[in-house]
């Protein structure tokens, strides 16, 4: 999910404002028009696709039977914890480290270029509100698709494997012809 959609606010605009003089910002912020209600836009969709791309690179390994390296496991937990963190935007704004298997490094570099382009687009687009994403969307989409194609080309014939630590445990064998669980069988026998 896009960071701003998750927060229901223009959080990247607020991050950009921190780069300026606080006194000037406070004066402009106080005297300017109120911030309009947050609205979803197609650039959020591109960011969501980017998060899926990054999840694939940080979740999978490149060899069967492998586990995540400690660095990859740590990066995965930071980017994709079991809960939705309020500070995920911080990881989006900062550059990605290549804590992925070496075979994935060219692909994650392409994702990093897209991340930087998305962040720059948010900053440029949200300088004034209400925002107008239309001038930014065609070029950003072309860049995203071109980067994704470049990543696919560079990936070649790399295969993705689920790391050992994320594989589901094998279910116990069931009796032949019996589609009910052992708990259901007990209930049926009892009446």
Protein backbone atom coordinates (compact mmCIF):
# COMPACT_ATOMS: atom_id res chain seq x y z
CA UNK A 1 0.00 0.00 0.00
CA UNK A 2 1.25 3.47 -0.79
CA UNK A 3 2.54 5.34 2.26
CA UNK A 4 0.19 8.27 1.84
CA UNK A 5 -2.83 6.01 1.35
CA UNK A 6 -1.87 4.15 4.52
CA UNK A 7 -1.68 7.46 6.43
CA UNK A 8 -4.62 9.13 4.61
CA UNK A 9 -2.48 12.25 4.42
CA UNK A 10 0.11 13.99 2.25
CA UNK A 11 3.01 12.73 4.39
CA UNK A 12 5.62 13.18 1.69
CA UNK A 13 4.65 16.83 1.35
CA UNK A 14 5.22 17.24 5.07
CA UNK A 15 8.62 15.52 4.80
CA UNK A 16 9.60 17.91 2.02
CA UNK A 17 8.60 20.92 4.16
CA UNK A 18 11.14 19.87 6.80
CA UNK A 19 13.89 20.72 4.33
CA UNK A 20 13.11 24.44 4.60
CA UNK A 21 13.51 27.12 7.26
CA UNK A 22 10.98 26.35 10.04
CA UNK A 23 10.12 30.00 10.70
CA UNK A 24 9.36 30.69 7.05
CA UNK A 25 7.42 27.46 6.76
CA UNK A 26 5.31 28.21 9.82
CA UNK A 27 4.48 31.67 8.49
CA UNK A 28 3.55 30.32 5.05
CA UNK A 29 1.68 27.36 6.49
CA UNK A 30 -0.35 29.57 8.85
CA UNK A 31 -1.22 32.20 6.25
CA UNK A 32 -1.83 29.82 3.34
CA UNK A 33 -5.03 28.02 2.40
CA UNK A 34 -5.95 24.97 4.49
CA UNK A 35 -4.66 21.62 3.25
CA UNK A 36 -7.43 19.96 1.22
CA UNK A 37 -8.71 16.52 2.17
CA UNK A 38 -6.44 13.70 1.10
CA UNK A 39 -7.36 12.08 -2.21
CA UNK A 40 -6.09 8.89 -3.80
CA UNK A 41 -4.37 9.25 -7.18
CA UNK A 42 -2.82 6.91 -9.80
CA UNK A 43 0.72 7.59 -8.59
CA UNK A 44 -0.25 5.79 -5.39
CA UNK A 45 -1.01 2.76 -7.58
CA UNK A 46 2.49 2.91 -9.04
CA UNK A 47 3.96 3.10 -5.54
CA UNK A 48 1.90 0.05 -4.51
CA UNK A 49 3.28 -1.87 -7.49
CA UNK A 50 6.76 -0.76 -6.47
CA UNK A 51 6.21 -2.16 -2.95
CA UNK A 52 5.19 -5.51 -4.48
CA UNK A 53 8.35 -5.50 -6.62
CA UNK A 54 10.51 -4.80 -3.55
CA UNK A 55 8.68 -7.43 -1.49
CA UNK A 56 9.52 -10.07 -4.12
CA UNK A 57 13.20 -9.09 -4.11
CA UNK A 58 13.47 -9.15 -0.32
CA UNK A 59 11.27 -12.20 0.33
CA UNK A 60 12.70 -14.72 -2.15
CA UNK A 61 16.14 -16.30 -2.47
CA UNK A 62 17.87 -17.43 -5.65
CA UNK A 63 18.73 -21.03 -4.75
CA UNK A 64 16.56 -23.88 -3.52
CA UNK A 65 17.07 -24.80 0.12
CA UNK A 66 18.59 -21.43 1.02
CA UNK A 67 17.66 -19.19 3.90
CA UNK A 68 17.76 -15.42 4.08
CA UNK A 69 21.12 -13.96 4.95
CA UNK A 70 21.00 -12.06 8.27
CA UNK A 71 21.14 -8.78 6.32
CA UNK A 72 18.30 -9.76 3.99
CA UNK A 73 16.17 -11.01 6.91
CA UNK A 74 16.73 -7.73 8.79
CA UNK A 75 15.91 -5.62 5.72
CA UNK A 76 12.78 -7.68 5.07
CA UNK A 77 11.57 -7.23 8.67
CA UNK A 78 12.20 -3.46 8.49
CA UNK A 79 10.40 -3.01 5.20
CA UNK A 80 7.61 -5.54 5.82
CA UNK A 81 6.98 -6.04 9.54
CA UNK A 82 4.04 -8.08 10.80
CA UNK A 83 2.17 -4.87 11.63
CA UNK A 84 1.63 -1.70 9.64
CA UNK A 85 4.18 0.76 10.99
CA UNK A 86 3.63 4.50 11.02
CA UNK A 87 7.26 5.07 9.99
CA UNK A 88 7.21 3.06 6.75
CA UNK A 89 7.44 6.32 4.83
CA UNK A 90 10.96 6.76 6.24
CA UNK A 91 12.04 3.55 4.48
CA UNK A 92 10.40 4.72 1.26
CA UNK A 93 12.22 8.06 1.26
CA UNK A 94 15.63 6.55 2.09
CA UNK A 95 17.47 4.58 -0.56
CA UNK A 96 17.27 0.80 -0.67
CA UNK A 97 20.29 -1.14 0.44
CA UNK A 98 21.14 -4.14 -1.66
CA UNK A 99 20.56 -6.67 1.17
CA UNK A 100 19.32 -9.22 -1.34
CA UNK A 101 20.98 -12.24 -2.93
CA UNK A 102 23.74 -11.15 -5.34
CA UNK A 103 21.73 -12.44 -8.31
CA UNK A 104 18.97 -9.91 -7.49
CA UNK A 105 21.21 -6.85 -7.17
CA UNK A 106 20.71 -5.51 -10.70
CA UNK A 107 16.95 -5.91 -10.32
CA UNK A 108 16.88 -4.11 -6.96
CA UNK A 109 18.99 -1.30 -8.45
CA UNK A 110 16.23 -0.78 -11.03
CA UNK A 111 13.68 -0.73 -8.18
CA UNK A 112 15.85 1.85 -6.40
CA UNK A 113 15.79 4.12 -9.46
CA UNK A 114 11.99 3.85 -9.58
CA UNK A 115 11.77 4.58 -5.83
CA UNK A 116 13.79 7.76 -6.26
CA UNK A 117 11.66 8.82 -9.23
CA UNK A 118 8.44 8.19 -7.26
CA UNK A 119 9.68 10.21 -4.27
CA UNK A 120 10.82 13.08 -6.52
CA UNK A 121 7.45 13.05 -8.29
CA UNK A 122 5.56 13.21 -4.99
CA UNK A 123 7.72 16.12 -3.84
CA UNK A 124 7.29 18.01 -7.14
CA UNK A 125 3.59 17.24 -7.41
CA UNK A 126 2.71 18.16 -3.82
CA UNK A 127 4.39 21.56 -3.77
CA UNK A 128 0.95 23.07 -4.20
CA UNK A 129 -2.38 21.61 -3.22
CA UNK A 130 -4.84 20.62 -4.49
CA UNK A 131 -2.46 18.52 -6.49
CA UNK A 132 -2.55 17.88 -10.19
CA UNK A 133 -1.00 14.50 -11.01
CA UNK A 134 -1.89 14.59 -14.72
CA UNK A 135 1.34 16.31 -15.88
CA UNK A 136 3.48 13.79 -13.97
CA UNK A 137 1.70 10.52 -14.69
CA UNK A 138 2.59 9.73 -18.36
CA UNK A 139 6.33 10.23 -17.91
CA UNK A 140 6.36 8.40 -14.57
CA UNK A 141 4.44 5.44 -16.04
CA UNK A 142 6.85 5.22 -18.97
CA UNK A 143 9.81 5.35 -16.58
CA UNK A 144 8.28 2.69 -14.32
CA UNK A 145 7.52 0.34 -17.22
CA UNK A 146 10.94 0.91 -18.79
CA UNK A 147 12.68 0.20 -15.49
CA UNK A 148 10.61 -2.91 -14.92
CA UNK A 149 11.45 -4.19 -18.40
CA UNK A 150 15.14 -3.46 -17.79
CA UNK A 151 14.93 -5.40 -14.50
CA UNK A 152 13.30 -8.36 -16.27
CA UNK A 153 15.98 -8.28 -18.97
CA UNK A 154 18.78 -8.15 -16.40
CA UNK A 155 17.21 -10.92 -14.33
CA UNK A 156 17.67 -13.31 -17.23
CA UNK A 157 16.85 -16.83 -16.12
CA UNK A 158 17.12 -16.26 -12.36
CA UNK A 159 14.63 -18.39 -10.47
CA UNK A 160 12.88 -17.37 -7.27
CA UNK A 161 12.70 -19.78 -4.36
CA UNK A 162 10.84 -19.52 -1.08
CA UNK A 163 13.43 -19.45 1.70
CA UNK A 164 13.40 -22.43 4.03
CA UNK A 165 12.27 -20.36 7.01
CA UNK A 166 9.08 -19.29 5.18
CA UNK A 167 8.01 -22.67 3.85
CA UNK A 168 4.84 -24.11 5.32
CA UNK A 169 5.17 -27.27 7.29
CA UNK A 170 4.01 -30.37 5.51
CA UNK A 171 0.55 -31.49 6.60
CA UNK A 172 0.22 -35.00 8.03
CA UNK A 173 -0.77 -37.65 5.54
CA UNK A 174 -4.49 -38.38 5.42
CA UNK A 175 -5.99 -41.82 5.13
CA UNK A 176 -6.72 -42.79 1.53
CA UNK A 177 -10.19 -41.76 0.45
CA UNK A 178 -10.82 -39.81 3.64
CA UNK A 179 -11.30 -36.11 2.97
CA UNK A 180 -12.35 -35.23 6.51
CA UNK A 181 -9.90 -34.16 9.18
CA UNK A 182 -9.33 -36.43 12.17
CA UNK A 183 -11.34 -34.00 14.35
CA UNK A 184 -14.30 -34.20 11.98
CA UNK A 185 -14.05 -38.02 11.95
CA UNK A 186 -14.27 -38.12 15.75
CA UNK A 187 -17.39 -35.98 15.69
CA UNK A 188 -19.00 -38.18 13.04
CA UNK A 189 -18.27 -41.34 14.99
CA UNK A 190 -19.69 -39.84 18.18
CA UNK A 191 -23.00 -39.11 16.64
